[in-house]
């Protein structure tokens, strides 16, 4: 799993690439504050090596909660910036600091 951040000097955005290795998975999405936890908007593309990947433009100076959904199962990113308990989910969410 990996998070890659590319800050754009001329705009208040950061290109964030989410990637996760899930060779056996059929469908993977990333959901969070940045897409209203909508799996339909967070679909990741599967590469030949079994990694799912997508890049999103996110606002700088913002903290986002997120999770991956791998074939219907919610998974945190072990390389997240931190983790935060979420009462609604009843579990910790991954934190991304941009």
Protein backbone atom coordinates (compact mmCIF):
# COMPACT_ATOMS: atom_id res chain seq x y z
CA UNK A 1 0.00 0.00 0.00
CA UNK A 2 1.23 3.41 -0.76
CA UNK A 3 0.33 7.06 -0.66
CA UNK A 4 2.21 9.43 -2.94
CA UNK A 5 1.78 13.19 -2.62
CA UNK A 6 2.75 15.63 -5.36
CA UNK A 7 2.21 19.26 -4.37
CA UNK A 8 1.39 21.73 -7.15
CA UNK A 9 3.19 25.03 -6.55
CA UNK A 10 0.82 27.14 -8.64
CA UNK A 11 -2.45 25.75 -7.23
CA UNK A 12 -3.86 25.00 -3.77
CA UNK A 13 -4.03 21.28 -4.57
CA UNK A 14 -1.98 18.15 -4.10
CA UNK A 15 -2.12 15.18 -6.46
CA UNK A 16 -2.47 12.16 -4.18
CA UNK A 17 -1.95 8.70 -5.63
CA UNK A 18 -3.56 5.86 -3.70
CA UNK A 19 -2.26 2.38 -4.49
CA UNK A 20 -2.78 -0.99 -2.88
CA UNK A 21 -1.66 -4.48 -3.81
CA UNK A 22 -4.67 -6.79 -4.04
CA UNK A 23 -3.82 -9.44 -6.64
CA UNK A 24 -6.81 -11.66 -5.88
CA UNK A 25 -9.33 -8.82 -5.67
CA UNK A 26 -11.91 -8.07 -8.34
CA UNK A 27 -12.86 -4.57 -7.21
CA UNK A 28 -11.09 -1.96 -5.07
CA UNK A 29 -12.12 1.58 -4.19
CA UNK A 30 -10.84 4.31 -1.91
CA UNK A 31 -13.47 6.18 0.08
CA UNK A 32 -13.16 9.12 2.42
CA UNK A 33 -13.98 12.71 3.23
CA UNK A 34 -12.79 13.78 -0.23
CA UNK A 35 -15.49 11.79 -2.09
CA UNK A 36 -18.27 11.64 0.53
CA UNK A 37 -17.41 7.98 1.25
CA UNK A 38 -18.85 7.07 -2.15
CA UNK A 39 -17.31 3.86 -3.53
CA UNK A 40 -18.66 4.62 -7.02
CA UNK A 41 -16.52 7.77 -7.10
CA UNK A 42 -13.44 6.08 -5.62
CA UNK A 43 -12.82 3.18 -7.98
CA UNK A 44 -9.19 2.19 -8.48
CA UNK A 45 -7.81 0.76 -11.72
CA UNK A 46 -6.14 -2.66 -11.63
CA UNK A 47 -2.63 -2.88 -13.08
CA UNK A 48 -1.08 -6.04 -14.54
CA UNK A 49 0.98 -6.61 -11.37
CA UNK A 50 -2.17 -6.80 -9.22
CA UNK A 51 -1.89 -3.29 -7.79
CA UNK A 52 -4.95 -1.05 -7.81
CA UNK A 53 -4.20 2.64 -8.31
CA UNK A 54 -5.77 6.08 -8.84
CA UNK A 55 -4.77 9.73 -8.44
CA UNK A 56 -7.01 12.45 -7.00
CA UNK A 57 -6.60 16.22 -6.74
CA UNK A 58 -7.11 17.14 -3.07
CA UNK A 59 -7.01 20.52 -1.35
CA UNK A 60 -3.78 21.42 0.47
CA UNK A 61 -3.72 22.11 4.21
CA UNK A 62 -6.52 19.61 4.81
CA UNK A 63 -6.82 16.42 6.84
CA UNK A 64 -8.86 13.59 5.31
CA UNK A 65 -10.17 10.33 6.78
CA UNK A 66 -10.23 7.40 4.34
CA UNK A 67 -10.30 3.62 3.88
CA UNK A 68 -9.96 1.16 1.03
CA UNK A 69 -12.80 -1.20 0.13
CA UNK A 70 -11.42 -4.47 -1.21
CA UNK A 71 -14.18 -6.74 -2.52
CA UNK A 72 -16.58 -5.26 0.05
CA UNK A 73 -14.17 -5.33 3.03
CA UNK A 74 -12.97 -2.06 4.61
CA UNK A 75 -9.18 -1.88 5.05
CA UNK A 76 -6.91 0.80 6.52
CA UNK A 77 -3.68 1.86 4.85
CA UNK A 78 -0.66 0.84 6.98
CA UNK A 79 1.29 3.75 5.45
CA UNK A 80 -1.33 6.36 6.41
CA UNK A 81 -0.10 9.52 8.13
CA UNK A 82 -2.00 8.47 11.26
CA UNK A 83 -5.26 6.86 12.42
CA UNK A 84 -8.34 8.26 14.13
CA UNK A 85 -11.25 6.56 15.88
CA UNK A 86 -14.58 7.10 14.15
CA UNK A 87 -17.69 6.52 16.27
CA UNK A 88 -19.94 6.18 13.23
CA UNK A 89 -17.84 3.36 11.77
CA UNK A 90 -16.97 1.87 15.15
CA UNK A 91 -13.33 1.54 14.08
CA UNK A 92 -10.24 3.54 13.21
CA UNK A 93 -9.92 5.27 9.86
CA UNK A 94 -6.71 6.05 8.03
CA UNK A 95 -5.69 9.73 8.09
CA UNK A 96 -4.14 11.61 5.16
CA UNK A 97 -2.57 15.00 5.89
CA UNK A 98 -2.18 17.14 2.74
